[in-house]
Amino acid sequence: MTAARDGARGIVVGIDPNRDWHLPLAWAADEGFRRRLPLRLVLAVPPQHDTQHVDDTPRQAALRGAGTERLEQARDWVGERHPELAVATDLRGGFPAPVIAAMAGQARMVVLGSRHLGRVAEVLSAGSLVLPVTAQASCPVVVVGDAEHITQRPLYIVVGIDGSSASAAALEFAFDEADLRGAQVRAVSVWQPPVFLLHDEEAALQAQRALLAETTAGLSEKYPDVLLTHEVLVGHPVEELARAAEHALAVVVGRRGRGGYTGMRLGSTVHGLLHRAYCPVITVPTG
């Protein structure tokens, strides 16, 4: 096995004991194989609800036992897919979202599954991971709600560009990922016309094209094997990026800073793509 491409930090995978984990785990295992990074499979068992009135110890023991069994199944499944990949399991006590978000500081990336819940349902769901972990994690977070489209030729990754330092970080991640996979990068900027257009539309579109060129300058030299295309779309950013990524391996977007536990401070584009995109969504923090 060659040396790790991204240093010693590995990939943290959140395992949900209540739903199928095969899709996000397959993505994480394949990524670990490509990057020569170890996997850490994490399952958190929430604390007892009311220790003053009910002895919940037998239930906690049962949950921990079931969690251990689930982790062992997941580890064995990865071993069959990539026998040479290093895999560790980690059963922890605590609410899943803060447990996994805290582990992100020592990870190259975090991989989660998604049920494509609506925004309100996702926030109110007791086991919600996607929004709070994406809002708080200090590393890239990959949300795998649907399979990557590997039958599409040529293979491509979509990255949203808005001129921010976060989108610049997302662009470099997209290039690195495309380089690993032999894929193209489709850099997309979306111009949303205002209700009252005060300036010439063509001038606004030209400014967006200049922004794309400026943001992507230099990366083609760093990644000479990755073909880059630019595209300025007109419409709502979430809808246009989701449409552009309909047949993509993934859509990559930047996220600014870290929000509160509920994740409601996530940017509207990131928040929307987590529920609208039908391919893996990768969010990359600034820096």
C-alpha atoms as a PDB file:
ATOM      1  CA  MET A   1       0.000   0.000   0.000  1.00  0.00           C
ATOM      2  CA  THR A   2       1.268   3.467  -0.867  1.00  0.00           C
ATOM      3  CA  ALA A   3       1.552   6.289   1.631  1.00  0.00           C
ATOM      4  CA  ALA A   4      -1.572   8.208   2.537  1.00  0.00           C
ATOM      5  CA  ARG A   5      -2.316  11.001   0.057  1.00  0.00           C
ATOM      6  CA  ASP A   6      -3.676  13.333   2.755  1.00  0.00           C
ATOM      7  CA  GLY A   7      -1.535  12.587   5.770  1.00  0.00           C
ATOM      8  CA  ALA A   8      -2.475  10.499   8.798  1.00  0.00           C
ATOM      9  CA  ARG A   9      -6.017  11.764   9.285  1.00  0.00           C
ATOM     10  CA  GLY A  10      -8.716   9.338   8.233  1.00  0.00           C
ATOM     11  CA  ILE A  11     -12.348   9.312   7.178  1.00  0.00           C
ATOM     12  CA  VAL A  12     -15.048   9.315   9.860  1.00  0.00           C
ATOM     13  CA  VAL A  13     -18.272   7.555   8.865  1.00  0.00           C
ATOM     14  CA  GLY A  14     -21.428   8.064  10.887  1.00  0.00           C
ATOM     15  CA  ILE A  15     -23.316   4.773  11.202  1.00  0.00           C
ATOM     16  CA  ASP A  16     -27.046   5.059  11.816  1.00  0.00           C
ATOM     17  CA  PRO A  17     -28.357   2.002  13.704  1.00  0.00           C
ATOM     18  CA  ASN A  18     -31.897   2.569  12.420  1.00  0.00           C
ATOM     19  CA  ARG A  19     -31.431   2.702   8.660  1.00  0.00           C
ATOM     20  CA  ASP A  20     -29.389   1.217   5.840  1.00  0.00           C
ATOM     21  CA  TRP A  21     -25.767   2.325   5.841  1.00  0.00           C
ATOM     22  CA  HIS A  22     -24.531   0.612   2.674  1.00  0.00           C
ATOM     23  CA  LEU A  23     -24.619   3.627   0.320  1.00  0.00           C
ATOM     24  CA  PRO A  24     -22.590   6.100   2.451  1.00  0.00           C
ATOM     25  CA  LEU A  25     -20.296   3.333   3.640  1.00  0.00           C
ATOM     26  CA  ALA A  26     -19.565   2.238   0.063  1.00  0.00           C
ATOM     27  CA  TRP A  27     -18.698   5.842  -0.828  1.00  0.00           C
ATOM     28  CA  ALA A  28     -16.421   6.187   2.196  1.00  0.00           C
ATOM     29  CA  ALA A  29     -14.722   2.828   1.611  1.00  0.00           C
ATOM     30  CA  ASP A  30     -14.006   3.629  -2.030  1.00  0.00           C
ATOM     31  CA  GLU A  31     -12.706   7.087  -1.063  1.00  0.00           C
ATOM     32  CA  GLY A  32     -10.497   5.586   1.623  1.00  0.00           C
ATOM     33  CA  PHE A  33      -9.103   3.155  -0.931  1.00  0.00           C
ATOM     34  CA  ARG A  34      -8.416   5.940  -3.451  1.00  0.00           C
ATOM     35  CA  ARG A  35      -6.745   8.216  -0.884  1.00  0.00           C
ATOM     36  CA  ARG A  36      -5.068   5.435   1.126  1.00  0.00           C
ATOM     37  CA  LEU A  37      -6.804   6.653   4.278  1.00  0.00           C
ATOM     38  CA  PRO A  38      -8.168   4.576   7.178  1.00  0.00           C
ATOM     39  CA  LEU A  39     -11.864   4.534   8.037  1.00  0.00           C
ATOM     40  CA  ARG A  40     -13.326   5.090  11.492  1.00  0.00           C
ATOM     41  CA  LEU A  41     -16.906   3.868  11.798  1.00  0.00           C
ATOM     42  CA  VAL A  42     -18.716   5.750  14.558  1.00  0.00           C
ATOM     43  CA  LEU A  43     -22.008   4.962  16.252  1.00  0.00           C
ATOM     44  CA  ALA A  44     -23.235   7.030  19.203  1.00  0.00           C
ATOM     45  CA  VAL A  45     -25.736   5.790  21.789  1.00  0.00           C
ATOM     46  CA  PRO A  46     -27.772   8.680  23.292  1.00  0.00           C
ATOM     47  CA  PRO A  47     -27.949   8.965  27.102  1.00  0.00           C
ATOM     48  CA  GLN A  48     -30.905   7.898  29.194  1.00  0.00           C
ATOM     49  CA  HIS A  49     -33.889  10.219  28.982  1.00  0.00           C
ATOM     50  CA  ASP A  50     -35.174  10.236  32.558  1.00  0.00           C
ATOM     51  CA  THR A  51     -32.948   8.645  35.158  1.00  0.00           C
ATOM     52  CA  GLN A  52     -35.034   9.996  38.067  1.00  0.00           C
ATOM     53  CA  HIS A  53     -38.119   7.909  37.365  1.00  0.00           C
ATOM     54  CA  VAL A  54     -37.095   5.008  35.138  1.00  0.00           C
ATOM     55  CA  ASP A  55     -34.119   2.688  35.363  1.00  0.00           C
ATOM     56  CA  ASP A  56     -33.039   2.667  31.742  1.00  0.00           C
ATOM     57  CA  THR A  57     -29.893   0.618  32.298  1.00  0.00           C
ATOM     58  CA  PRO A  58     -31.159  -2.574  30.575  1.00  0.00           C
ATOM     59  CA  ARG A  59     -32.291  -0.549  27.569  1.00  0.00           C
ATOM     60  CA  GLN A  60     -28.932   1.250  27.373  1.00  0.00           C
ATOM     61  CA  ALA A  61     -27.119  -2.073  27.533  1.00  0.00           C
ATOM     62  CA  ALA A  62     -29.310  -3.414  24.738  1.00  0.00           C
ATOM     63  CA  LEU A  63     -28.657  -0.328  22.612  1.00  0.00           C
ATOM     64  CA  ARG A  64     -24.925  -0.605  23.121  1.00  0.00           C
ATOM     65  CA  GLY A  65     -25.013  -4.289  22.264  1.00  0.00           C
ATOM     66  CA  ALA A  66     -26.995  -3.631  19.105  1.00  0.00           C
ATOM     67  CA  GLY A  67     -24.647  -0.776  18.214  1.00  0.00           C
ATOM     68  CA  THR A  68     -21.592  -2.993  18.613  1.00  0.00           C
ATOM     69  CA  GLU A  69     -23.169  -5.615  16.384  1.00  0.00           C
ATOM     70  CA  ARG A  70     -24.053  -2.997  13.769  1.00  0.00           C
ATOM     71  CA  LEU A  71     -20.489  -1.659  13.744  1.00  0.00           C
ATOM     72  CA  GLU A  72     -19.053  -5.149  13.375  1.00  0.00           C
ATOM     73  CA  GLN A  73     -21.362  -5.821  10.426  1.00  0.00           C
ATOM     74  CA  ALA A  74     -20.292  -2.574   8.776  1.00  0.00           C
ATOM     75  CA  ARG A  75     -16.594  -3.300   9.392  1.00  0.00           C
ATOM     76  CA  ASP A  76     -16.904  -6.792   7.901  1.00  0.00           C
ATOM     77  CA  TRP A  77     -18.740  -5.383   4.882  1.00  0.00           C
ATOM     78  CA  VAL A  78     -15.937  -2.885   4.219  1.00  0.00           C
ATOM     79  CA  GLY A  79     -13.410  -5.704   4.622  1.00  0.00           C
ATOM     80  CA  GLU A  80     -15.094  -7.646   1.835  1.00  0.00           C
ATOM     81  CA  ARG A  81     -15.152  -4.586  -0.434  1.00  0.00           C
ATOM     82  CA  HIS A  82     -11.562  -3.456   0.230  1.00  0.00           C
ATOM     83  CA  PRO A  83      -9.647  -6.116   2.216  1.00  0.00           C
ATOM     84  CA  GLU A  84      -6.495  -3.974   2.457  1.00  0.00           C
ATOM     85  CA  LEU A  85      -8.274  -0.939   3.939  1.00  0.00           C
ATOM     86  CA  ALA A  86      -7.650  -0.182   7.638  1.00  0.00           C
ATOM     87  CA  VAL A  87     -10.990   0.054   9.486  1.00  0.00           C
ATOM     88  CA  ALA A  88     -11.636   0.892  13.148  1.00  0.00           C
ATOM     89  CA  THR A  89     -14.959   0.931  14.997  1.00  0.00           C
ATOM     90  CA  ASP A  90     -15.904   3.424  17.691  1.00  0.00           C
ATOM     91  CA  LEU A  91     -18.982   3.013  19.899  1.00  0.00           C
ATOM     92  CA  ARG A  92     -19.529   6.181  21.940  1.00  0.00           C
ATOM     93  CA  GLY A  93     -22.027   7.474  24.430  1.00  0.00           C
ATOM     94  CA  GLY A  94     -23.756  10.738  23.616  1.00  0.00           C
ATOM     95  CA  PHE A  95     -25.992  12.368  21.042  1.00  0.00           C
ATOM     96  CA  PRO A  96     -24.770  11.458  17.548  1.00  0.00           C
ATOM     97  CA  ALA A  97     -24.494  14.950  16.030  1.00  0.00           C
ATOM     98  CA  PRO A  98     -22.165  16.555  18.611  1.00  0.00           C
ATOM     99  CA  VAL A  99     -20.151  13.334  18.928  1.00  0.00           C
ATOM    100  CA  ILE A 100     -19.411  13.165  15.216  1.00  0.00           C
ATOM    101  CA  ALA A 101     -18.947  16.929  14.840  1.00  0.00           C
ATOM    102  CA  ALA A 102     -16.320  16.842  17.585  1.00  0.00           C
ATOM    103  CA  MET A 103     -14.448  14.038  15.803  1.00  0.00           C
ATOM    104  CA  ALA A 104     -14.320  16.087  12.609  1.00  0.00           C
ATOM    105  CA  GLY A 105     -11.394  18.080  13.972  1.00  0.00           C
ATOM    106  CA  GLN A 106      -9.161  15.014  13.630  1.00  0.00           C
ATOM    107  CA  ALA A 107     -10.605  13.762  10.324  1.00  0.00           C
ATOM    108  CA  ARG A 108      -9.804  14.336   6.660  1.00  0.00           C
ATOM    109  CA  MET A 109     -13.547  14.225   6.005  1.00  0.00           C
ATOM    110  CA  VAL A 110     -16.844  13.036   7.487  1.00  0.00           C
ATOM    111  CA  VAL A 111     -19.275  10.860   5.521  1.00  0.00           C
ATOM    112  CA  LEU A 112     -22.980  10.654   6.390  1.00  0.00           C
ATOM    113  CA  GLY A 113     -26.110   9.172   4.892  1.00  0.00           C
ATOM    114  CA  SER A 114     -29.277  11.157   4.230  1.00  0.00           C
ATOM    115  CA  ARG A 115     -32.995  10.409   4.144  1.00  0.00           C
ATOM    116  CA  HIS A 116     -33.788  13.477   2.016  1.00  0.00           C
ATOM    117  CA  LEU A 117     -36.067  14.821   4.733  1.00  0.00           C
ATOM    118  CA  GLY A 118     -37.600  18.237   4.331  1.00  0.00           C
ATOM    119  CA  ARG A 119     -35.976  21.075   6.232  1.00  0.00           C
ATOM    120  CA  VAL A 120     -38.422  21.071   9.130  1.00  0.00           C
ATOM    121  CA  ALA A 121     -38.444  17.273   9.418  1.00  0.00           C
ATOM    122  CA  GLU A 122     -34.647  17.185   9.356  1.00  0.00           C
ATOM    123  CA  VAL A 123     -34.337  19.755  12.124  1.00  0.00           C
ATOM    124  CA  LEU A 124     -36.952  18.087  14.323  1.00  0.00           C
ATOM    125  CA  SER A 125     -35.704  14.540  13.773  1.00  0.00           C
ATOM    126  CA  ALA A 126     -34.207  13.245  17.031  1.00  0.00           C
ATOM    127  CA  GLY A 127     -31.439  11.433  15.173  1.00  0.00           C
ATOM    128  CA  SER A 128     -30.692  14.209  12.706  1.00  0.00           C
ATOM    129  CA  LEU A 129     -27.051  14.307  11.695  1.00  0.00           C
ATOM    130  CA  VAL A 130     -26.853  16.020   8.336  1.00  0.00           C
ATOM    131  CA  LEU A 131     -27.618  19.626   9.225  1.00  0.00           C
ATOM    132  CA  PRO A 132     -25.861  19.948  12.596  1.00  0.00           C
ATOM    133  CA  VAL A 133     -22.728  18.062  11.547  1.00  0.00           C
ATOM    134  CA  THR A 134     -22.474  19.969   8.256  1.00  0.00           C
ATOM    135  CA  ALA A 135     -22.881  23.241  10.144  1.00  0.00           C
ATOM    136  CA  GLN A 136     -20.276  22.466  12.816  1.00  0.00           C
ATOM    137  CA  ALA A 137     -17.631  20.228  11.234  1.00  0.00           C
ATOM    138  CA  SER A 138     -14.192  21.726  10.671  1.00  0.00           C
ATOM    139  CA  CYS A 139     -13.471  19.384   7.748  1.00  0.00           C
ATOM    140  CA  PRO A 140     -15.290  18.551   4.500  1.00  0.00           C
ATOM    141  CA  VAL A 141     -18.597  16.717   5.018  1.00  0.00           C
ATOM    142  CA  VAL A 142     -19.935  14.316   2.400  1.00  0.00           C
ATOM    143  CA  VAL A 143     -23.679  13.620   2.487  1.00  0.00           C
ATOM    144  CA  VAL A 144     -24.558  10.529   0.467  1.00  0.00           C
ATOM    145  CA  GLY A 145     -28.300  10.426  -0.092  1.00  0.00           C
ATOM    146  CA  ASP A 146     -28.025   9.043  -3.613  1.00  0.00           C
ATOM    147  CA  ALA A 147     -25.434   7.129  -5.577  1.00  0.00           C
ATOM    148  CA  GLU A 148     -22.782   8.875  -7.606  1.00  0.00           C
ATOM    149  CA  HIS A 149     -23.443   8.621 -11.339  1.00  0.00           C
ATOM    150  CA  ILE A 150     -20.541   6.478 -12.508  1.00  0.00           C
ATOM    151  CA  THR A 151     -22.228   5.420 -15.776  1.00  0.00           C
ATOM    152  CA  GLN A 152     -22.246   8.986 -17.130  1.00  0.00           C
ATOM    153  CA  ARG A 153     -19.439   9.616 -19.628  1.00  0.00           C
ATOM    154  CA  PRO A 154     -17.371  11.632 -19.291  1.00  0.00           C
ATOM    155  CA  LEU A 155     -17.334  11.494 -15.507  1.00  0.00           C
ATOM    156  CA  TYR A 156     -17.608  14.943 -13.961  1.00  0.00           C
ATOM    157  CA  ILE A 157     -17.871  16.782 -10.654  1.00  0.00           C
ATOM    158  CA  VAL A 158     -19.856  20.006 -10.323  1.00  0.00           C
ATOM    159  CA  VAL A 159     -18.541  22.801  -8.108  1.00  0.00           C
ATOM    160  CA  GLY A 160     -20.447  25.960  -7.245  1.00  0.00           C
ATOM    161  CA  ILE A 161     -18.475  29.218  -7.500  1.00  0.00           C
ATOM    162  CA  ASP A 162     -19.609  32.516  -5.959  1.00  0.00           C
ATOM    163  CA  GLY A 163     -16.329  34.357  -5.500  1.00  0.00           C
ATOM    164  CA  SER A 164     -15.973  33.597  -1.787  1.00  0.00           C
ATOM    165  CA  SER A 165     -12.943  32.019  -0.134  1.00  0.00           C
ATOM    166  CA  ALA A 166     -15.211  29.080   0.732  1.00  0.00           C
ATOM    167  CA  SER A 167     -15.986  28.421  -2.911  1.00  0.00           C
ATOM    168  CA  ALA A 168     -12.271  28.682  -3.727  1.00  0.00           C
ATOM    169  CA  ALA A 169     -11.637  25.927  -1.147  1.00  0.00           C
ATOM    170  CA  ALA A 170     -14.468  23.885  -2.682  1.00  0.00           C
ATOM    171  CA  LEU A 171     -12.934  24.298  -6.132  1.00  0.00           C
ATOM    172  CA  GLU A 172      -9.548  22.962  -5.035  1.00  0.00           C
ATOM    173  CA  PHE A 173     -11.249  20.017  -3.333  1.00  0.00           C
ATOM    174  CA  ALA A 174     -13.216  19.313  -6.527  1.00  0.00           C
ATOM    175  CA  PHE A 175     -10.006  19.352  -8.604  1.00  0.00           C
ATOM    176  CA  ASP A 176      -8.282  16.990  -6.198  1.00  0.00           C
ATOM    177  CA  GLU A 177     -11.259  14.634  -6.216  1.00  0.00           C
ATOM    178  CA  ALA A 178     -11.506  14.733  -9.999  1.00  0.00           C
ATOM    179  CA  ASP A 179      -7.779  14.037 -10.304  1.00  0.00           C
ATOM    180  CA  LEU A 180      -8.199  10.934  -8.161  1.00  0.00           C
ATOM    181  CA  ARG A 181     -11.110   9.682 -10.259  1.00  0.00           C
ATOM    182  CA  GLY A 182     -10.059  10.625 -13.765  1.00  0.00           C
ATOM    183  CA  ALA A 183     -13.037  12.981 -13.981  1.00  0.00           C
ATOM    184  CA  GLN A 184     -13.698  16.477 -15.291  1.00  0.00           C
ATOM    185  CA  VAL A 185     -14.577  19.560 -13.225  1.00  0.00           C
ATOM    186  CA  ARG A 186     -17.618  21.597 -14.210  1.00  0.00           C
ATOM    187  CA  ALA A 187     -17.324  24.988 -12.493  1.00  0.00           C
ATOM    188  CA  VAL A 188     -20.728  26.643 -12.268  1.00  0.00           C
ATOM    189  CA  SER A 189     -21.660  30.160 -11.261  1.00  0.00           C
ATOM    190  CA  VAL A 190     -25.342  31.041 -10.960  1.00  0.00           C
ATOM    191  CA  TRP A 191     -26.679  34.530 -11.502  1.00  0.00           C
ATOM    192  CA  GLN A 192     -30.066  35.102  -9.941  1.00  0.00           C
ATOM    193  CA  PRO A 193     -31.766  38.096 -11.591  1.00  0.00           C
ATOM    194  CA  PRO A 194     -33.108  40.622  -9.092  1.00  0.00           C
ATOM    195  CA  VAL A 195     -36.785  41.490  -9.050  1.00  0.00           C
ATOM    196  CA  PHE A 196     -35.964  44.868 -10.536  1.00  0.00           C
ATOM    197  CA  LEU A 197     -33.025  44.688 -12.908  1.00  0.00           C
ATOM    198  CA  LEU A 198     -31.091  47.924 -12.437  1.00  0.00           C
ATOM    199  CA  HIS A 199     -28.165  47.009 -14.655  1.00  0.00           C
ATOM    200  CA  ASP A 200     -27.670  45.462 -18.069  1.00  0.00           C
ATOM    201  CA  GLU A 201     -28.139  41.669 -17.894  1.00  0.00           C
ATOM    202  CA  GLU A 202     -25.311  40.926 -20.308  1.00  0.00           C
ATOM    203  CA  ALA A 203     -22.952  43.051 -18.207  1.00  0.00           C
ATOM    204  CA  ALA A 204     -23.947  41.078 -15.112  1.00  0.00           C
ATOM    205  CA  LEU A 205     -23.348  37.773 -16.894  1.00  0.00           C
ATOM    206  CA  GLN A 206     -19.990  38.990 -18.147  1.00  0.00           C
ATOM    207  CA  ALA A 207     -19.019  39.850 -14.577  1.00  0.00           C
ATOM    208  CA  GLN A 208     -19.929  36.301 -13.529  1.00  0.00           C
ATOM    209  CA  ARG A 209     -17.791  34.866 -16.331  1.00  0.00           C
ATOM    210  CA  ALA A 210     -14.863  37.025 -15.217  1.00  0.00           C
ATOM    211  CA  LEU A 211     -15.365  35.811 -11.646  1.00  0.00           C
ATOM    212  CA  LEU A 212     -15.228  32.185 -12.805  1.00  0.00           C
ATOM    213  CA  ALA A 213     -12.062  32.765 -14.792  1.00  0.00           C
ATOM    214  CA  GLU A 214     -10.382  34.542 -11.892  1.00  0.00           C
ATOM    215  CA  THR A 215     -11.347  31.888  -9.327  1.00  0.00           C
ATOM    216  CA  THR A 216     -10.220  28.951 -11.456  1.00  0.00           C
ATOM    217  CA  ALA A 217      -6.967  30.529 -12.657  1.00  0.00           C
ATOM    218  CA  GLY A 218      -3.919  28.410 -11.889  1.00  0.00           C
ATOM    219  CA  LEU A 219      -5.622  25.166 -10.936  1.00  0.00           C
ATOM    220  CA  SER A 220      -5.461  23.672 -14.420  1.00  0.00           C
ATOM    221  CA  GLU A 221      -1.658  24.041 -14.217  1.00  0.00           C
ATOM    222  CA  LYS A 222      -1.637  22.326 -10.823  1.00  0.00           C
ATOM    223  CA  TYR A 223      -3.899  19.529 -12.095  1.00  0.00           C
ATOM    224  CA  PRO A 224      -2.944  19.179 -15.786  1.00  0.00           C
ATOM    225  CA  ASP A 225      -4.886  15.929 -16.232  1.00  0.00           C
ATOM    226  CA  VAL A 226      -8.216  17.443 -15.141  1.00  0.00           C
ATOM    227  CA  LEU A 227     -10.346  19.030 -17.846  1.00  0.00           C
ATOM    228  CA  LEU A 228     -12.127  22.182 -16.605  1.00  0.00           C
ATOM    229  CA  THR A 229     -15.241  23.751 -18.069  1.00  0.00           C
ATOM    230  CA  HIS A 230     -16.862  27.059 -17.017  1.00  0.00           C
ATOM    231  CA  GLU A 231     -20.564  27.751 -17.075  1.00  0.00           C
ATOM    232  CA  VAL A 232     -22.722  30.674 -15.963  1.00  0.00           C
ATOM    233  CA  LEU A 233     -26.343  29.713 -15.381  1.00  0.00           C
ATOM    234  CA  VAL A 234     -29.316  31.978 -14.785  1.00  0.00           C
ATOM    235  CA  GLY A 235     -31.892  31.158 -12.119  1.00  0.00           C
ATOM    236  CA  HIS A 236     -32.091  30.077  -8.499  1.00  0.00           C
ATOM    237  CA  PRO A 237     -28.689  28.797  -7.244  1.00  0.00           C
ATOM    238  CA  VAL A 238     -30.066  25.661  -5.579  1.00  0.00           C
ATOM    239  CA  GLU A 239     -32.218  24.637  -8.529  1.00  0.00           C
ATOM    240  CA  GLU A 240     -29.551  25.325 -11.132  1.00  0.00           C
ATOM    241  CA  LEU A 241     -26.735  23.587  -9.247  1.00  0.00           C
ATOM    242  CA  ALA A 242     -28.961  20.574  -8.525  1.00  0.00           C
ATOM    243  CA  ARG A 243     -29.897  20.395 -12.206  1.00  0.00           C
ATOM    244  CA  ALA A 244     -26.274  20.727 -13.309  1.00  0.00           C
ATOM    245  CA  ALA A 245     -25.293  17.877 -10.970  1.00  0.00           C
ATOM    246  CA  GLU A 246     -28.129  15.575 -12.009  1.00  0.00           C
ATOM    247  CA  HIS A 247     -25.688  13.107 -13.619  1.00  0.00           C
ATOM    248  CA  ALA A 248     -22.547  14.052 -11.678  1.00  0.00           C
ATOM    249  CA  LEU A 249     -20.295  12.080  -9.381  1.00  0.00           C
ATOM    250  CA  ALA A 250     -20.900  14.784  -6.764  1.00  0.00           C
ATOM    251  CA  VAL A 251     -21.633  18.459  -6.283  1.00  0.00           C
ATOM    252  CA  VAL A 252     -19.121  20.427  -4.203  1.00  0.00           C
ATOM    253  CA  VAL A 253     -19.881  23.739  -2.502  1.00  0.00           C
ATOM    254  CA  GLY A 254     -18.107  25.873   0.071  1.00  0.00           C
ATOM    255  CA  ARG A 255     -19.512  26.689   3.470  1.00  0.00           C
ATOM    256  CA  ARG A 256     -18.640  29.689   5.566  1.00  0.00           C
ATOM    257  CA  GLY A 257     -17.821  29.171   9.226  1.00  0.00           C
ATOM    258  CA  ARG A 258     -19.698  26.969  11.658  1.00  0.00           C
ATOM    259  CA  GLY A 259     -23.260  27.420  12.787  1.00  0.00           C
ATOM    260  CA  GLY A 260     -25.319  26.386  15.802  1.00  0.00           C
ATOM    261  CA  TYR A 261     -26.434  22.887  16.679  1.00  0.00           C
ATOM    262  CA  THR A 262     -29.572  22.896  14.538  1.00  0.00           C
ATOM    263  CA  GLY A 263     -27.650  23.890  11.453  1.00  0.00           C
ATOM    264  CA  MET A 264     -30.130  26.653  10.647  1.00  0.00           C
ATOM    265  CA  ARG A 265     -27.210  29.057  10.147  1.00  0.00           C
ATOM    266  CA  LEU A 266     -26.052  27.140   7.092  1.00  0.00           C
ATOM    267  CA  GLY A 267     -26.096  29.167   3.899  1.00  0.00           C
ATOM    268  CA  SER A 268     -29.305  28.811   1.923  1.00  0.00           C
ATOM    269  CA  THR A 269     -27.549  27.254  -1.081  1.00  0.00           C
ATOM    270  CA  VAL A 270     -25.804  24.602   1.030  1.00  0.00           C
ATOM    271  CA  HIS A 271     -28.984  23.965   2.991  1.00  0.00           C
ATOM    272  CA  GLY A 272     -31.046  23.637  -0.172  1.00  0.00           C
ATOM    273  CA  LEU A 273     -28.633  21.316  -1.982  1.00  0.00           C
ATOM    274  CA  LEU A 274     -28.585  18.907   0.958  1.00  0.00           C
ATOM    275  CA  HIS A 275     -32.269  18.287   0.252  1.00  0.00           C
ATOM    276  CA  ARG A 276     -32.485  18.809  -3.510  1.00  0.00           C
ATOM    277  CA  ALA A 277     -29.365  17.289  -5.084  1.00  0.00           C
ATOM    278  CA  TYR A 278     -29.628  13.668  -6.186  1.00  0.00           C
ATOM    279  CA  CYS A 279     -25.955  12.854  -5.985  1.00  0.00           C
ATOM    280  CA  PRO A 280     -23.477  13.070  -3.104  1.00  0.00           C
ATOM    281  CA  VAL A 281     -23.150  16.624  -1.732  1.00  0.00           C
ATOM    282  CA  ILE A 282     -19.713  17.681  -0.472  1.00  0.00           C
ATOM    283  CA  THR A 283     -19.424  20.845   1.604  1.00  0.00           C
ATOM    284  CA  VAL A 284     -15.983  22.312   2.196  1.00  0.00           C
ATOM    285  CA  PRO A 285     -15.191  24.849   4.953  1.00  0.00           C
ATOM    286  CA  THR A 286     -12.932  27.817   4.387  1.00  0.00           C
ATOM    287  CA  GLY A 287      -9.366  26.890   5.148  1.00  0.00           C
END
